[in-house]
Amino acid sequence: MRAIILITILLLGGCSSYYNPSLDMNVDRNAQFKIDREACRERSKKEASSEPRNDWQFLQTYDKQQREQSDEAKAFERCMSGKGWIKK
């Protein structure tokens, strides 16, 4: 029973979508979202210094990997909100 609850929470916890109320109705929202998402992914990787640098990255400690991923996620959220996207 515990496993079912945990799986349900993990699946539903990752479900979210973005909405940009400032976009003009003539703009294709899906295309604009893809463009902004890719730009923010690149920016967040550079900002958080989480880009793959060498083959020895797997030797990092768990805490350092977790910190990099957390910093990257925060940078991505800041970038998307700066472009007007709101997470539902």
PDB file of N, CA and C in Angstrom:
ATOM      1  N   MET A   1       0.826  -1.189   0.000  1.00  0.00           N
ATOM      2  CA  MET A   1       0.000   0.000   0.000  1.00  0.00           C
ATOM      3  C   MET A   1       0.877   1.263   0.000  1.00  0.00           C
ATOM      4  N   ARG A   2       1.949   1.202   0.775  1.00  0.00           N
ATOM      5  CA  ARG A   2       2.858   2.337   0.846  1.00  0.00           C
ATOM      6  C   ARG A   2       3.445   2.666  -0.518  1.00  0.00           C
ATOM      7  N   ALA A   3       3.807   1.619  -1.260  1.00  0.00           N
ATOM      8  CA  ALA A   3       4.413   1.813  -2.573  1.00  0.00           C
ATOM      9  C   ALA A   3       3.432   2.473  -3.536  1.00  0.00           C
ATOM     10  N   ILE A   4       2.180   2.087  -3.473  1.00  0.00           N
ATOM     11  CA  ILE A   4       1.169   2.660  -4.361  1.00  0.00           C
ATOM     12  C   ILE A   4       0.992   4.151  -4.069  1.00  0.00           C
ATOM     13  N   ILE A   5       0.949   4.500  -2.803  1.00  0.00           N
ATOM     14  CA  ILE A   5       0.804   5.906  -2.424  1.00  0.00           C
ATOM     15  C   ILE A   5       2.023   6.709  -2.864  1.00  0.00           C
ATOM     16  N   LEU A   6       3.201   6.153  -2.652  1.00  0.00           N
ATOM     17  CA  LEU A   6       4.429   6.836  -3.034  1.00  0.00           C
ATOM     18  C   LEU A   6       4.494   7.046  -4.545  1.00  0.00           C
ATOM     19  N   ILE A   7       4.166   6.041  -5.314  1.00  0.00           N
ATOM     20  CA  ILE A   7       4.187   6.148  -6.773  1.00  0.00           C
ATOM     21  C   ILE A   7       3.173   7.189  -7.244  1.00  0.00           C
ATOM     22  N   THR A   8       1.993   7.193  -6.640  1.00  0.00           N
ATOM     23  CA  THR A   8       0.954   8.160  -7.007  1.00  0.00           C
ATOM     24  C   THR A   8       1.420   9.586  -6.733  1.00  0.00           C
ATOM     25  N   ILE A   9       2.018   9.799  -5.582  1.00  0.00           N
ATOM     26  CA  ILE A   9       2.511  11.133  -5.232  1.00  0.00           C
ATOM     27  C   ILE A   9       3.612  11.564  -6.191  1.00  0.00           C
ATOM     28  N   LEU A  10       4.520  10.663  -6.515  1.00  0.00           N
ATOM     29  CA  LEU A  10       5.605  11.003  -7.430  1.00  0.00           C
ATOM     30  C   LEU A  10       5.092  11.315  -8.829  1.00  0.00           C
ATOM     31  N   LEU A  11       4.117  10.553  -9.284  1.00  0.00           N
ATOM     32  CA  LEU A  11       3.566  10.803 -10.616  1.00  0.00           C
ATOM     33  C   LEU A  11       2.791  12.105 -10.678  1.00  0.00           C
ATOM     34  N   LEU A  12       1.979  12.368  -9.682  1.00  0.00           N
ATOM     35  CA  LEU A  12       1.177  13.584  -9.682  1.00  0.00           C
ATOM     36  C   LEU A  12       1.989  14.815  -9.307  1.00  0.00           C
ATOM     37  N   GLY A  13       3.027  14.629  -8.536  1.00  0.00           N
ATOM     38  CA  GLY A  13       3.868  15.757  -8.134  1.00  0.00           C
ATOM     39  C   GLY A  13       4.610  16.363  -9.305  1.00  0.00           C
ATOM     40  N   GLY A  14       4.922  15.564 -10.295  1.00  0.00           N
ATOM     41  CA  GLY A  14       5.642  16.060 -11.460  1.00  0.00           C
ATOM     42  C   GLY A  14       4.730  16.635 -12.530  1.00  0.00           C
ATOM     43  N   CYS A  15       3.443  16.551 -12.337  1.00  0.00           N
ATOM     44  CA  CYS A  15       2.497  17.055 -13.345  1.00  0.00           C
ATOM     45  C   CYS A  15       2.235  18.532 -13.119  1.00  0.00           C
ATOM     46  N   SER A  16       2.684  19.307 -14.038  1.00  0.00           N
ATOM     47  CA  SER A  16       2.396  20.741 -13.982  1.00  0.00           C
ATOM     48  C   SER A  16       2.454  21.274 -15.398  1.00  0.00           C
ATOM     49  N   SER A  17       1.879  22.412 -15.592  1.00  0.00           N
ATOM     50  CA  SER A  17       1.909  23.034 -16.910  1.00  0.00           C
ATOM     51  C   SER A  17       2.158  24.524 -16.735  1.00  0.00           C
ATOM     52  N   TYR A  18       2.537  25.151 -17.813  1.00  0.00           N
ATOM     53  CA  TYR A  18       2.808  26.581 -17.802  1.00  0.00           C
ATOM     54  C   TYR A  18       1.773  27.316 -18.634  1.00  0.00           C
ATOM     55  N   TYR A  19       1.493  28.534 -18.217  1.00  0.00           N
ATOM     56  CA  TYR A  19       0.550  29.388 -18.918  1.00  0.00           C
ATOM     57  C   TYR A  19       1.137  30.792 -18.968  1.00  0.00           C
ATOM     58  N   ASN A  20       1.027  31.427 -20.123  1.00  0.00           N
ATOM     59  CA  ASN A  20       1.548  32.787 -20.281  1.00  0.00           C
ATOM     60  C   ASN A  20       0.404  33.710 -20.663  1.00  0.00           C
ATOM     61  N   PRO A  21      -0.144  34.447 -19.697  1.00  0.00           N
ATOM     62  CA  PRO A  21      -1.270  35.322 -19.996  1.00  0.00           C
ATOM     63  C   PRO A  21      -0.892  36.549 -20.817  1.00  0.00           C
ATOM     64  N   SER A  22       0.395  36.853 -20.918  1.00  0.00           N
ATOM     65  CA  SER A  22       0.811  38.059 -21.637  1.00  0.00           C
ATOM     66  C   SER A  22       1.000  37.826 -23.137  1.00  0.00           C
ATOM     67  N   LEU A  23       0.877  36.574 -23.596  1.00  0.00           N
ATOM     68  CA  LEU A  23       1.051  36.309 -25.026  1.00  0.00           C
ATOM     69  C   LEU A  23      -0.154  36.784 -25.816  1.00  0.00           C
ATOM     70  N   ASP A  24       0.124  37.288 -26.998  1.00  0.00           N
ATOM     71  CA  ASP A  24      -0.931  37.725 -27.903  1.00  0.00           C
ATOM     72  C   ASP A  24      -1.668  36.486 -28.434  1.00  0.00           C
ATOM     73  N   MET A  25      -2.924  36.635 -28.765  1.00  0.00           N
ATOM     74  CA  MET A  25      -3.720  35.506 -29.247  1.00  0.00           C
ATOM     75  C   MET A  25      -3.230  35.013 -30.613  1.00  0.00           C
ATOM     76  N   ASN A  26      -2.533  35.848 -31.365  1.00  0.00           N
ATOM     77  CA  ASN A  26      -2.025  35.459 -32.684  1.00  0.00           C
ATOM     78  C   ASN A  26      -0.777  34.584 -32.598  1.00  0.00           C
ATOM     79  N   VAL A  27      -0.160  34.528 -31.440  1.00  0.00           N
ATOM     80  CA  VAL A  27       1.081  33.769 -31.252  1.00  0.00           C
ATOM     81  C   VAL A  27       0.748  32.313 -30.951  1.00  0.00           C
ATOM     82  N   ASP A  28       1.479  31.396 -31.579  1.00  0.00           N
ATOM     83  CA  ASP A  28       1.317  29.973 -31.286  1.00  0.00           C
ATOM     84  C   ASP A  28       1.954  29.693 -29.919  1.00  0.00           C
ATOM     85  N   ARG A  29       1.127  29.425 -28.934  1.00  0.00           N
ATOM     86  CA  ARG A  29       1.616  29.251 -27.557  1.00  0.00           C
ATOM     87  C   ARG A  29       2.566  28.069 -27.423  1.00  0.00           C
ATOM     88  N   ASN A  30       2.276  26.961 -28.094  1.00  0.00           N
ATOM     89  CA  ASN A  30       3.141  25.783 -27.977  1.00  0.00           C
ATOM     90  C   ASN A  30       4.522  26.047 -28.553  1.00  0.00           C
ATOM     91  N   ALA A  31       4.565  26.700 -29.705  1.00  0.00           N
ATOM     92  CA  ALA A  31       5.864  27.005 -30.321  1.00  0.00           C
ATOM     93  C   ALA A  31       6.658  27.976 -29.455  1.00  0.00           C
ATOM     94  N   GLN A  32       5.993  28.989 -28.928  1.00  0.00           N
ATOM     95  CA  GLN A  32       6.677  29.966 -28.071  1.00  0.00           C
ATOM     96  C   GLN A  32       7.166  29.309 -26.782  1.00  0.00           C
ATOM     97  N   PHE A  33       6.355  28.387 -26.235  1.00  0.00           N
ATOM     98  CA  PHE A  33       6.766  27.687 -25.020  1.00  0.00           C
ATOM     99  C   PHE A  33       8.021  26.861 -25.278  1.00  0.00           C
ATOM    100  N   LYS A  34       8.067  26.157 -26.406  1.00  0.00           N
ATOM    101  CA  LYS A  34       9.239  25.339 -26.726  1.00  0.00           C
ATOM    102  C   LYS A  34      10.492  26.197 -26.872  1.00  0.00           C
ATOM    103  N   ILE A  35      10.345  27.343 -27.520  1.00  0.00           N
ATOM    104  CA  ILE A  35      11.484  28.253 -27.692  1.00  0.00           C
ATOM    105  C   ILE A  35      11.965  28.759 -26.331  1.00  0.00           C
ATOM    106  N   ASP A  36      11.037  29.224 -25.504  1.00  0.00           N
ATOM    107  CA  ASP A  36      11.401  29.746 -24.184  1.00  0.00           C
ATOM    108  C   ASP A  36      11.955  28.661 -23.278  1.00  0.00           C
ATOM    109  N   ARG A  37      11.382  27.465 -23.345  1.00  0.00           N
ATOM    110  CA  ARG A  37      11.850  26.354 -22.506  1.00  0.00           C
ATOM    111  C   ARG A  37      13.291  25.986 -22.841  1.00  0.00           C
ATOM    112  N   GLU A  38      13.608  25.888 -24.129  1.00  0.00           N
ATOM    113  CA  GLU A  38      14.977  25.549 -24.521  1.00  0.00           C
ATOM    114  C   GLU A  38      15.963  26.649 -24.116  1.00  0.00           C
ATOM    115  N   ALA A  39      15.553  27.898 -24.298  1.00  0.00           N
ATOM    116  CA  ALA A  39      16.428  29.007 -23.904  1.00  0.00           C
ATOM    117  C   ALA A  39      16.671  28.986 -22.395  1.00  0.00           C
ATOM    118  N   CYS A  40      15.629  28.715 -21.625  1.00  0.00           N
ATOM    119  CA  CYS A  40      15.779  28.684 -20.167  1.00  0.00           C
ATOM    120  C   CYS A  40      16.572  27.471 -19.702  1.00  0.00           C
ATOM    121  N   ARG A  41      16.447  26.357 -20.399  1.00  0.00           N
ATOM    122  CA  ARG A  41      17.262  25.186 -20.042  1.00  0.00           C
ATOM    123  C   ARG A  41      18.741  25.482 -20.223  1.00  0.00           C
ATOM    124  N   GLU A  42      19.083  26.054 -21.353  1.00  0.00           N
ATOM    125  CA  GLU A  42      20.484  26.398 -21.603  1.00  0.00           C
ATOM    126  C   GLU A  42      20.990  27.405 -20.584  1.00  0.00           C
ATOM    127  N   ARG A  43      20.181  28.407 -20.313  1.00  0.00           N
ATOM    128  CA  ARG A  43      20.583  29.453 -19.363  1.00  0.00           C
ATOM    129  C   ARG A  43      20.751  28.881 -17.953  1.00  0.00           C
ATOM    130  N   SER A  44      19.834  28.012 -17.546  1.00  0.00           N
ATOM    131  CA  SER A  44      19.913  27.460 -16.192  1.00  0.00           C
ATOM    132  C   SER A  44      21.110  26.530 -16.038  1.00  0.00           C
ATOM    133  N   LYS A  45      21.456  25.787 -17.090  1.00  0.00           N
ATOM    134  CA  LYS A  45      22.638  24.920 -17.015  1.00  0.00           C
ATOM    135  C   LYS A  45      23.905  25.746 -16.859  1.00  0.00           C
ATOM    136  N   LYS A  46      23.981  26.856 -17.601  1.00  0.00           N
ATOM    137  CA  LYS A  46      25.160  27.713 -17.498  1.00  0.00           C
ATOM    138  C   LYS A  46      25.212  28.415 -16.150  1.00  0.00           C
ATOM    139  N   GLU A  47      24.060  28.884 -15.688  1.00  0.00           N
ATOM    140  CA  GLU A  47      24.005  29.623 -14.429  1.00  0.00           C
ATOM    141  C   GLU A  47      24.327  28.734 -13.237  1.00  0.00           C
ATOM    142  N   ALA A  48      23.863  27.480 -13.278  1.00  0.00           N
ATOM    143  CA  ALA A  48      24.081  26.563 -12.160  1.00  0.00           C
ATOM    144  C   ALA A  48      25.374  25.764 -12.307  1.00  0.00           C
ATOM    145  N   SER A  49      26.073  25.977 -13.396  1.00  0.00           N
ATOM    146  CA  SER A  49      27.318  25.237 -13.676  1.00  0.00           C
ATOM    147  C   SER A  49      27.090  23.725 -13.608  1.00  0.00           C
ATOM    148  N   SER A  50      25.973  23.275 -14.165  1.00  0.00           N
ATOM    149  CA  SER A  50      25.672  21.842 -14.114  1.00  0.00           C
ATOM    150  C   SER A  50      25.847  21.176 -15.467  1.00  0.00           C
ATOM    151  N   GLU A  51      26.462  21.886 -16.409  1.00  0.00           N
ATOM    152  CA  GLU A  51      26.736  21.275 -17.703  1.00  0.00           C
ATOM    153  C   GLU A  51      27.790  20.186 -17.525  1.00  0.00           C
ATOM    154  N   PRO A  52      27.707  19.134 -18.326  1.00  0.00           N
ATOM    155  CA  PRO A  52      28.749  18.109 -18.248  1.00  0.00           C
ATOM    156  C   PRO A  52      30.101  18.706 -18.629  1.00  0.00           C
ATOM    157  N   ARG A  53      31.073  18.560 -17.756  1.00  0.00           N
ATOM    158  CA  ARG A  53      32.380  19.152 -17.996  1.00  0.00           C
ATOM    159  C   ARG A  53      33.426  18.105 -18.347  1.00  0.00           C
ATOM    160  N   ASN A  54      33.351  16.965 -17.723  1.00  0.00           N
ATOM    161  CA  ASN A  54      34.337  15.928 -18.005  1.00  0.00           C
ATOM    162  C   ASN A  54      33.767  14.559 -17.625  1.00  0.00           C
ATOM    163  N   ASP A  55      34.554  13.531 -17.844  1.00  0.00           N
ATOM    164  CA  ASP A  55      34.096  12.170 -17.559  1.00  0.00           C
ATOM    165  C   ASP A  55      34.139  11.828 -16.078  1.00  0.00           C
ATOM    166  N   TRP A  56      34.722  12.662 -15.273  1.00  0.00           N
ATOM    167  CA  TRP A  56      34.872  12.369 -13.848  1.00  0.00           C
ATOM    168  C   TRP A  56      33.761  12.978 -13.006  1.00  0.00           C
ATOM    169  N   GLN A  57      32.735  13.513 -13.645  1.00  0.00           N
ATOM    170  CA  GLN A  57      31.662  14.171 -12.907  1.00  0.00           C
ATOM    171  C   GLN A  57      30.918  13.177 -12.003  1.00  0.00           C
ATOM    172  N   PHE A  58      30.915  11.903 -12.366  1.00  0.00           N
ATOM    173  CA  PHE A  58      30.216  10.909 -11.550  1.00  0.00           C
ATOM    174  C   PHE A  58      30.883  10.708 -10.194  1.00  0.00           C
ATOM    175  N   LEU A  59      32.064  11.244 -10.012  1.00  0.00           N
ATOM    176  CA  LEU A  59      32.754  11.107  -8.735  1.00  0.00           C
ATOM    177  C   LEU A  59      32.348  12.171  -7.718  1.00  0.00           C
ATOM    178  N   GLN A  60      31.458  13.084  -8.113  1.00  0.00           N
ATOM    179  CA  GLN A  60      31.009  14.115  -7.183  1.00  0.00           C
ATOM    180  C   GLN A  60      30.188  13.474  -6.064  1.00  0.00           C
ATOM    181  N   THR A  61      30.153  14.152  -4.959  1.00  0.00           N
ATOM    182  CA  THR A  61      29.355  13.660  -3.844  1.00  0.00           C
ATOM    183  C   THR A  61      27.872  13.864  -4.142  1.00  0.00           C
ATOM    184  N   TYR A  62      27.056  13.125  -3.454  1.00  0.00           N
ATOM    185  CA  TYR A  62      25.612  13.226  -3.638  1.00  0.00           C
ATOM    186  C   TYR A  62      25.118  14.628  -3.308  1.00  0.00           C
ATOM    187  N   ASP A  63      25.658  15.211  -2.240  1.00  0.00           N
ATOM    188  CA  ASP A  63      25.233  16.557  -1.843  1.00  0.00           C
ATOM    189  C   ASP A  63      25.537  17.589  -2.931  1.00  0.00           C
ATOM    190  N   LYS A  64      26.697  17.483  -3.545  1.00  0.00           N
ATOM    191  CA  LYS A  64      27.057  18.430  -4.585  1.00  0.00           C
ATOM    192  C   LYS A  64      26.157  18.253  -5.813  1.00  0.00           C
ATOM    193  N   GLN A  65      25.877  17.007  -6.190  1.00  0.00           N
ATOM    194  CA  GLN A  65      24.980  16.762  -7.317  1.00  0.00           C
ATOM    195  C   GLN A  65      23.584  17.290  -7.020  1.00  0.00           C
ATOM    196  N   GLN A  66      23.112  17.072  -5.812  1.00  0.00           N
ATOM    197  CA  GLN A  66      21.786  17.544  -5.419  1.00  0.00           C
ATOM    198  C   GLN A  66      21.725  19.070  -5.437  1.00  0.00           C
ATOM    199  N   ARG A  67      22.772  19.717  -4.954  1.00  0.00           N
ATOM    200  CA  ARG A  67      22.828  21.174  -4.942  1.00  0.00           C
ATOM    201  C   ARG A  67      22.812  21.735  -6.366  1.00  0.00           C
ATOM    202  N   GLU A  68      23.578  21.107  -7.262  1.00  0.00           N
ATOM    203  CA  GLU A  68      23.606  21.558  -8.653  1.00  0.00           C
ATOM    204  C   GLU A  68      22.234  21.416  -9.310  1.00  0.00           C
ATOM    205  N   GLN A  69      21.573  20.291  -9.072  1.00  0.00           N
ATOM    206  CA  GLN A  69      20.254  20.075  -9.662  1.00  0.00           C
ATOM    207  C   GLN A  69      19.230  21.042  -9.091  1.00  0.00           C
ATOM    208  N   SER A  70      19.317  21.304  -7.801  1.00  0.00           N
ATOM    209  CA  SER A  70      18.404  22.247  -7.171  1.00  0.00           C
ATOM    210  C   SER A  70      18.635  23.664  -7.699  1.00  0.00           C
ATOM    211  N   ASP A  71      19.891  24.061  -7.828  1.00  0.00           N
ATOM    212  CA  ASP A  71      20.216  25.381  -8.368  1.00  0.00           C
ATOM    213  C   ASP A  71      19.739  25.516  -9.809  1.00  0.00           C
ATOM    214  N   GLU A  72      19.894  24.441 -10.584  1.00  0.00           N
ATOM    215  CA  GLU A  72      19.450  24.464 -11.974  1.00  0.00           C
ATOM    216  C   GLU A  72      17.932  24.602 -12.066  1.00  0.00           C
ATOM    217  N   ALA A  73      17.201  23.886 -11.207  1.00  0.00           N
ATOM    218  CA  ALA A  73      15.737  23.966 -11.218  1.00  0.00           C
ATOM    219  C   ALA A  73      15.256  25.366 -10.824  1.00  0.00           C
ATOM    220  N   LYS A  74      15.909  25.961  -9.827  1.00  0.00           N
ATOM    221  CA  LYS A  74      15.537  27.322  -9.417  1.00  0.00           C
ATOM    222  C   LYS A  74      15.835  28.340 -10.511  1.00  0.00           C
ATOM    223  N   ALA A  75      16.970  28.186 -11.173  1.00  0.00           N
ATOM    224  CA  ALA A  75      17.324  29.102 -12.256  1.00  0.00           C
ATOM    225  C   ALA A  75      16.348  28.965 -13.420  1.00  0.00           C
ATOM    226  N   PHE A  76      15.916  27.743 -13.702  1.00  0.00           N
ATOM    227  CA  PHE A  76      14.945  27.511 -14.768  1.00  0.00           C
ATOM    228  C   PHE A  76      13.612  28.176 -14.428  1.00  0.00           C
ATOM    229  N   GLU A  77      13.161  28.028 -13.192  1.00  0.00           N
ATOM    230  CA  GLU A  77      11.898  28.648 -12.771  1.00  0.00           C
ATOM    231  C   GLU A  77      11.973  30.172 -12.854  1.00  0.00           C
ATOM    232  N   ARG A  78      13.101  30.749 -12.434  1.00  0.00           N
ATOM    233  CA  ARG A  78      13.269  32.201 -12.522  1.00  0.00           C
ATOM    234  C   ARG A  78      13.236  32.674 -13.966  1.00  0.00           C
ATOM    235  N   CYS A  79      13.898  31.939 -14.838  1.00  0.00           N
ATOM    236  CA  CYS A  79      13.942  32.307 -16.251  1.00  0.00           C
ATOM    237  C   CYS A  79      12.550  32.236 -16.867  1.00  0.00           C
ATOM    238  N   MET A  80      11.815  31.161 -16.596  1.00  0.00           N
ATOM    239  CA  MET A  80      10.470  31.014 -17.171  1.00  0.00           C
ATOM    240  C   MET A  80       9.530  32.096 -16.648  1.00  0.00           C
ATOM    241  N   SER A  81       9.623  32.406 -15.371  1.00  0.00           N
ATOM    242  CA  SER A  81       8.753  33.453 -14.828  1.00  0.00           C
ATOM    243  C   SER A  81       9.156  34.816 -15.373  1.00  0.00           C
ATOM    244  N   GLY A  82      10.429  35.007 -15.667  1.00  0.00           N
ATOM    245  CA  GLY A  82      10.885  36.254 -16.269  1.00  0.00           C
ATOM    246  C   GLY A  82      10.358  36.435 -17.686  1.00  0.00           C
ATOM    247  N   LYS A  83      10.108  35.327 -18.363  1.00  0.00           N
ATOM    248  CA  LYS A  83       9.545  35.387 -19.714  1.00  0.00           C
ATOM    249  C   LYS A  83       8.025  35.433 -19.694  1.00  0.00           C
ATOM    250  N   GLY A  84       7.426  35.431 -18.496  1.00  0.00           N
ATOM    251  CA  GLY A  84       5.980  35.576 -18.373  1.00  0.00           C
ATOM    252  C   GLY A  84       5.225  34.290 -18.175  1.00  0.00           C
ATOM    253  N   TRP A  85       5.916  33.166 -18.087  1.00  0.00           N
ATOM    254  CA  TRP A  85       5.235  31.875 -17.926  1.00  0.00           C
ATOM    255  C   TRP A  85       4.927  31.632 -16.454  1.00  0.00           C
ATOM    256  N   ILE A  86       3.699  31.232 -16.184  1.00  0.00           N
ATOM    257  CA  ILE A  86       3.240  30.964 -14.824  1.00  0.00           C
ATOM    258  C   ILE A  86       2.963  29.475 -14.699  1.00  0.00           C
ATOM    259  N   LYS A  87       3.496  28.863 -13.655  1.00  0.00           N
ATOM    260  CA  LYS A  87       3.283  27.435 -13.431  1.00  0.00           C
ATOM    261  C   LYS A  87       1.935  27.214 -12.790  1.00  0.00           C
ATOM    262  N   LYS A  88       1.132  26.357 -13.401  1.00  0.00           N
ATOM    263  CA  LYS A  88      -0.202  26.060 -12.852  1.00  0.00           C
ATOM    264  C   LYS A  88      -0.103  25.023 -11.777  1.00  0.00           C
TER     265      LYS A  88
END
